[in-house]
Amino acid sequence: MLLVNTDYITGKEFEMLGLVKGSTIQSKHIGKDITQSFKTLVGGELKAYNEMMSEARALATKRMVAEAEAMGADAIVNIRYASSAVMQGAAEVIAYGTAVKFI
């Protein structure tokens, strides 16, 4: 499965199959949440939250790809990501794009 954030793929013609998306809501356990709260006092990278968001993006992408594969797609174009805080320490990540089939 080819994944791109452009609305074209050089050298390929395709037909659009439709919108595909994948999402997840992730949080860290209370111990990590507390340690990251202390980190905000001194500044610096919040590694546990970086890991959480990276895992969330990967899972949302995997779910989007599965939806595209179920449609018989060869690629997903114009991929975008969005995130939002659901509650303190928890975030939703959504990946979406257009599933396409090569002609």
N, C-alpha and C. Protein backbone atom coordinates (compact mmCIF):
# COMPACT_ATOMS: atom_id res chain seq x y z
N MET A 1 0.87 -1.18 0.00
CA MET A 1 0.00 0.00 0.00
C MET A 1 0.91 1.23 0.00
N LEU A 2 0.69 2.08 -0.97
CA LEU A 2 1.44 3.32 -1.09
C LEU A 2 0.70 4.42 -0.34
N LEU A 3 1.40 5.15 0.52
CA LEU A 3 0.81 6.22 1.31
C LEU A 3 1.53 7.53 0.99
N VAL A 4 0.78 8.53 0.56
CA VAL A 4 1.38 9.83 0.24
C VAL A 4 0.50 10.97 0.77
N ASN A 5 1.14 12.11 1.01
CA ASN A 5 0.37 13.26 1.47
C ASN A 5 0.11 14.26 0.34
N THR A 6 0.38 13.84 -0.89
CA THR A 6 0.07 14.66 -2.06
C THR A 6 -1.23 14.15 -2.68
N ASP A 7 -1.81 14.93 -3.58
CA ASP A 7 -3.05 14.48 -4.22
C ASP A 7 -2.77 13.80 -5.56
N TYR A 8 -1.50 13.48 -5.82
CA TYR A 8 -1.12 12.78 -7.04
C TYR A 8 0.04 11.83 -6.72
N ILE A 9 0.26 10.88 -7.62
CA ILE A 9 1.41 9.98 -7.54
C ILE A 9 2.05 10.03 -8.92
N THR A 10 3.27 10.51 -9.00
CA THR A 10 3.95 10.69 -10.27
C THR A 10 3.95 9.39 -11.07
N GLY A 11 3.49 9.50 -12.32
CA GLY A 11 3.49 8.36 -13.22
C GLY A 11 2.34 7.39 -13.03
N LYS A 12 1.41 7.70 -12.16
CA LYS A 12 0.28 6.80 -11.91
C LYS A 12 -1.04 7.52 -12.19
N GLU A 13 -1.94 6.80 -12.83
CA GLU A 13 -3.31 7.28 -12.97
C GLU A 13 -4.17 6.40 -12.07
N PHE A 14 -5.16 7.02 -11.47
CA PHE A 14 -5.98 6.24 -10.55
C PHE A 14 -7.39 6.78 -10.49
N GLU A 15 -8.27 5.92 -9.98
CA GLU A 15 -9.64 6.33 -9.71
C GLU A 15 -9.82 6.41 -8.21
N MET A 16 -10.57 7.38 -7.76
CA MET A 16 -10.81 7.55 -6.34
C MET A 16 -11.89 6.59 -5.87
N LEU A 17 -11.63 5.94 -4.73
CA LEU A 17 -12.60 5.02 -4.16
C LEU A 17 -13.39 5.65 -3.02
N GLY A 18 -12.77 6.59 -2.33
CA GLY A 18 -13.48 7.26 -1.24
C GLY A 18 -12.59 7.56 -0.05
N LEU A 19 -13.18 8.22 0.90
CA LEU A 19 -12.50 8.62 2.13
C LEU A 19 -12.25 7.40 3.00
N VAL A 20 -11.04 7.33 3.56
CA VAL A 20 -10.72 6.30 4.55
C VAL A 20 -10.14 7.00 5.77
N LYS A 21 -10.36 6.38 6.94
CA LYS A 21 -9.85 7.00 8.15
C LYS A 21 -9.57 5.92 9.19
N GLY A 22 -8.75 6.31 10.13
CA GLY A 22 -8.46 5.46 11.27
C GLY A 22 -8.23 6.36 12.46
N SER A 23 -8.64 5.93 13.63
CA SER A 23 -8.45 6.79 14.80
C SER A 23 -8.21 5.93 16.03
N THR A 24 -7.70 6.58 17.06
CA THR A 24 -7.49 5.93 18.34
C THR A 24 -7.44 7.01 19.41
N ILE A 25 -7.72 6.61 20.63
CA ILE A 25 -7.56 7.48 21.78
C ILE A 25 -6.57 6.78 22.70
N GLN A 26 -5.50 7.47 23.04
CA GLN A 26 -4.42 6.89 23.84
C GLN A 26 -4.22 7.69 25.12
N SER A 27 -3.73 7.00 26.14
CA SER A 27 -3.33 7.67 27.37
C SER A 27 -2.15 6.90 27.96
N LYS A 28 -1.47 7.52 28.88
CA LYS A 28 -0.38 6.87 29.60
C LYS A 28 -0.89 6.52 30.99
N HIS A 29 -0.28 5.51 31.59
CA HIS A 29 -0.72 5.13 32.94
C HIS A 29 -0.37 6.22 33.95
N ILE A 30 -1.00 6.19 35.09
CA ILE A 30 -0.92 7.27 36.09
C ILE A 30 0.51 7.57 36.51
N GLY A 31 1.36 6.54 36.61
CA GLY A 31 2.75 6.77 36.99
C GLY A 31 3.48 7.65 36.00
N LYS A 32 3.31 7.37 34.71
CA LYS A 32 3.94 8.19 33.67
C LYS A 32 3.34 9.59 33.67
N ASP A 33 2.04 9.67 33.89
CA ASP A 33 1.37 10.96 33.89
C ASP A 33 1.93 11.86 34.99
N ILE A 34 2.15 11.29 36.16
CA ILE A 34 2.68 12.07 37.28
C ILE A 34 4.11 12.51 37.01
N THR A 35 4.95 11.60 36.50
CA THR A 35 6.34 11.97 36.24
C THR A 35 6.43 13.04 35.15
N GLN A 36 5.56 12.97 34.16
CA GLN A 36 5.56 13.98 33.11
C GLN A 36 5.09 15.33 33.65
N SER A 37 4.19 15.32 34.63
CA SER A 37 3.74 16.57 35.25
C SER A 37 4.90 17.28 35.94
N PHE A 38 5.75 16.51 36.61
CA PHE A 38 6.93 17.10 37.26
C PHE A 38 7.89 17.66 36.22
N LYS A 39 8.00 17.00 35.09
CA LYS A 39 8.90 17.44 34.03
C LYS A 39 8.50 18.83 33.52
N THR A 40 7.22 19.15 33.56
CA THR A 40 6.79 20.47 33.08
C THR A 40 7.30 21.59 33.98
N LEU A 41 7.66 21.27 35.21
CA LEU A 41 8.21 22.29 36.11
C LEU A 41 9.59 22.74 35.70
N VAL A 42 10.40 21.83 35.18
CA VAL A 42 11.78 22.16 34.82
C VAL A 42 11.97 22.32 33.32
N GLY A 43 11.00 21.91 32.55
CA GLY A 43 11.09 22.04 31.10
C GLY A 43 11.77 20.85 30.46
N GLY A 44 11.69 20.79 29.17
CA GLY A 44 12.31 19.71 28.42
C GLY A 44 11.28 18.86 27.71
N GLU A 45 11.79 17.88 26.99
CA GLU A 45 10.94 16.99 26.21
C GLU A 45 10.17 16.03 27.10
N LEU A 46 8.89 15.87 26.81
CA LEU A 46 8.04 14.93 27.54
C LEU A 46 8.04 13.61 26.77
N LYS A 47 9.05 12.80 27.01
CA LYS A 47 9.28 11.60 26.21
C LYS A 47 8.13 10.61 26.27
N ALA A 48 7.52 10.44 27.43
CA ALA A 48 6.40 9.49 27.55
C ALA A 48 5.23 9.92 26.66
N TYR A 49 4.99 11.22 26.58
CA TYR A 49 3.90 11.70 25.73
C TYR A 49 4.29 11.63 24.25
N ASN A 50 5.57 11.85 23.95
CA ASN A 50 6.05 11.66 22.58
C ASN A 50 5.80 10.24 22.13
N GLU A 51 6.16 9.28 22.98
CA GLU A 51 5.94 7.87 22.67
C GLU A 51 4.45 7.58 22.49
N MET A 52 3.64 8.13 23.37
CA MET A 52 2.20 7.90 23.30
C MET A 52 1.65 8.40 21.96
N MET A 53 2.04 9.59 21.55
CA MET A 53 1.51 10.15 20.31
C MET A 53 2.05 9.40 19.09
N SER A 54 3.28 8.96 19.15
CA SER A 54 3.85 8.17 18.06
C SER A 54 3.10 6.85 17.90
N GLU A 55 2.83 6.19 19.01
CA GLU A 55 2.06 4.95 18.99
C GLU A 55 0.65 5.20 18.45
N ALA A 56 0.05 6.30 18.85
CA ALA A 56 -1.31 6.63 18.41
C ALA A 56 -1.34 6.89 16.91
N ARG A 57 -0.35 7.63 16.38
CA ARG A 57 -0.30 7.88 14.93
C ARG A 57 -0.13 6.57 14.16
N ALA A 58 0.74 5.69 14.67
CA ALA A 58 0.97 4.41 13.99
C ALA A 58 -0.30 3.56 13.97
N LEU A 59 -1.02 3.52 15.08
CA LEU A 59 -2.25 2.73 15.15
C LEU A 59 -3.34 3.33 14.27
N ALA A 60 -3.47 4.65 14.27
CA ALA A 60 -4.47 5.30 13.42
C ALA A 60 -4.16 5.04 11.95
N THR A 61 -2.88 5.09 11.57
CA THR A 61 -2.47 4.81 10.20
C THR A 61 -2.78 3.37 9.83
N LYS A 62 -2.48 2.45 10.72
CA LYS A 62 -2.75 1.02 10.48
C LYS A 62 -4.25 0.79 10.25
N ARG A 63 -5.09 1.43 11.03
CA ARG A 63 -6.54 1.28 10.88
C ARG A 63 -7.04 1.90 9.58
N MET A 64 -6.44 3.03 9.18
CA MET A 64 -6.80 3.67 7.92
C MET A 64 -6.42 2.76 6.75
N VAL A 65 -5.23 2.17 6.79
CA VAL A 65 -4.77 1.27 5.74
C VAL A 65 -5.69 0.04 5.65
N ALA A 66 -6.08 -0.50 6.78
CA ALA A 66 -6.97 -1.67 6.79
C ALA A 66 -8.30 -1.33 6.11
N GLU A 67 -8.81 -0.14 6.36
CA GLU A 67 -10.07 0.28 5.72
C GLU A 67 -9.89 0.40 4.21
N ALA A 68 -8.75 0.95 3.78
CA ALA A 68 -8.46 1.10 2.36
C ALA A 68 -8.29 -0.26 1.69
N GLU A 69 -7.61 -1.19 2.36
CA GLU A 69 -7.42 -2.53 1.81
C GLU A 69 -8.77 -3.24 1.64
N ALA A 70 -9.67 -3.02 2.58
CA ALA A 70 -11.00 -3.63 2.49
C ALA A 70 -11.77 -3.11 1.27
N MET A 71 -11.43 -1.91 0.82
CA MET A 71 -12.08 -1.32 -0.36
C MET A 71 -11.38 -1.75 -1.66
N GLY A 72 -10.25 -2.44 -1.54
CA GLY A 72 -9.49 -2.85 -2.72
C GLY A 72 -8.54 -1.78 -3.23
N ALA A 73 -8.14 -0.86 -2.39
CA ALA A 73 -7.28 0.26 -2.79
C ALA A 73 -5.83 -0.19 -2.99
N ASP A 74 -5.15 0.53 -3.88
CA ASP A 74 -3.72 0.33 -4.11
C ASP A 74 -2.89 1.36 -3.36
N ALA A 75 -3.51 2.49 -3.03
CA ALA A 75 -2.79 3.58 -2.37
C ALA A 75 -3.78 4.48 -1.63
N ILE A 76 -3.22 5.33 -0.79
CA ILE A 76 -4.00 6.39 -0.13
C ILE A 76 -3.28 7.70 -0.41
N VAL A 77 -4.00 8.65 -0.97
CA VAL A 77 -3.42 9.95 -1.29
C VAL A 77 -3.98 11.02 -0.36
N ASN A 78 -3.28 12.14 -0.33
CA ASN A 78 -3.72 13.30 0.44
C ASN A 78 -3.94 12.97 1.92
N ILE A 79 -3.02 12.21 2.50
CA ILE A 79 -3.14 11.78 3.90
C ILE A 79 -2.92 12.98 4.83
N ARG A 80 -3.75 13.07 5.83
CA ARG A 80 -3.65 14.11 6.85
C ARG A 80 -3.81 13.47 8.22
N TYR A 81 -3.28 14.14 9.23
CA TYR A 81 -3.41 13.72 10.62
C TYR A 81 -3.97 14.88 11.43
N ALA A 82 -4.77 14.56 12.42
CA ALA A 82 -5.28 15.56 13.35
C ALA A 82 -5.29 14.94 14.73
N SER A 83 -5.15 15.78 15.73
CA SER A 83 -5.21 15.28 17.10
C SER A 83 -5.95 16.28 17.97
N SER A 84 -6.48 15.76 19.06
CA SER A 84 -7.16 16.63 20.01
C SER A 84 -7.09 15.99 21.38
N ALA A 85 -7.07 16.82 22.39
CA ALA A 85 -7.07 16.34 23.76
C ALA A 85 -8.48 15.93 24.12
N VAL A 86 -8.63 14.73 24.65
CA VAL A 86 -9.93 14.24 25.08
C VAL A 86 -10.13 14.56 26.56
N MET A 87 -9.07 14.38 27.31
CA MET A 87 -9.03 14.73 28.72
C MET A 87 -7.56 14.87 29.08
N GLN A 88 -7.23 15.31 30.26
CA GLN A 88 -5.83 15.47 30.62
C GLN A 88 -5.12 14.13 30.52
N GLY A 89 -4.04 14.10 29.75
CA GLY A 89 -3.25 12.88 29.61
C GLY A 89 -3.76 11.91 28.57
N ALA A 90 -4.82 12.27 27.85
CA ALA A 90 -5.37 11.39 26.81
C ALA A 90 -5.60 12.21 25.54
N ALA A 91 -5.27 11.62 24.40
CA ALA A 91 -5.43 12.34 23.14
C ALA A 91 -6.00 11.41 22.07
N GLU A 92 -6.81 12.01 21.21
CA GLU A 92 -7.32 11.28 20.04
C GLU A 92 -6.46 11.67 18.85
N VAL A 93 -6.10 10.69 18.05
CA VAL A 93 -5.41 10.93 16.80
C VAL A 93 -6.23 10.30 15.69
N ILE A 94 -6.43 11.07 14.62
CA ILE A 94 -7.14 10.54 13.46
C ILE A 94 -6.25 10.72 12.23
N ALA A 95 -6.20 9.68 11.41
CA ALA A 95 -5.51 9.74 10.12
C ALA A 95 -6.60 9.56 9.06
N TYR A 96 -6.53 10.37 7.99
CA TYR A 96 -7.53 10.25 6.94
C TYR A 96 -6.93 10.61 5.60
N GLY A 97 -7.52 10.07 4.57
CA GLY A 97 -7.05 10.32 3.22
C GLY A 97 -8.04 9.76 2.21
N THR A 98 -7.65 9.74 0.96
CA THR A 98 -8.50 9.22 -0.11
C THR A 98 -7.92 7.93 -0.64
N ALA A 99 -8.69 6.87 -0.57
CA ALA A 99 -8.28 5.58 -1.11
C ALA A 99 -8.42 5.63 -2.62
N VAL A 100 -7.40 5.10 -3.32
CA VAL A 100 -7.41 5.10 -4.78
C VAL A 100 -7.01 3.73 -5.33
N LYS A 101 -7.45 3.45 -6.54
CA LYS A 101 -7.09 2.23 -7.26
C LYS A 101 -6.42 2.63 -8.55
N PHE A 102 -5.26 2.02 -8.84
CA PHE A 102 -4.54 2.35 -10.06
C PHE A 102 -5.28 1.83 -11.28
N ILE A 103 -5.24 2.63 -12.36
CA ILE A 103 -5.91 2.25 -13.61
C ILE A 103 -4.89 1.54 -14.50
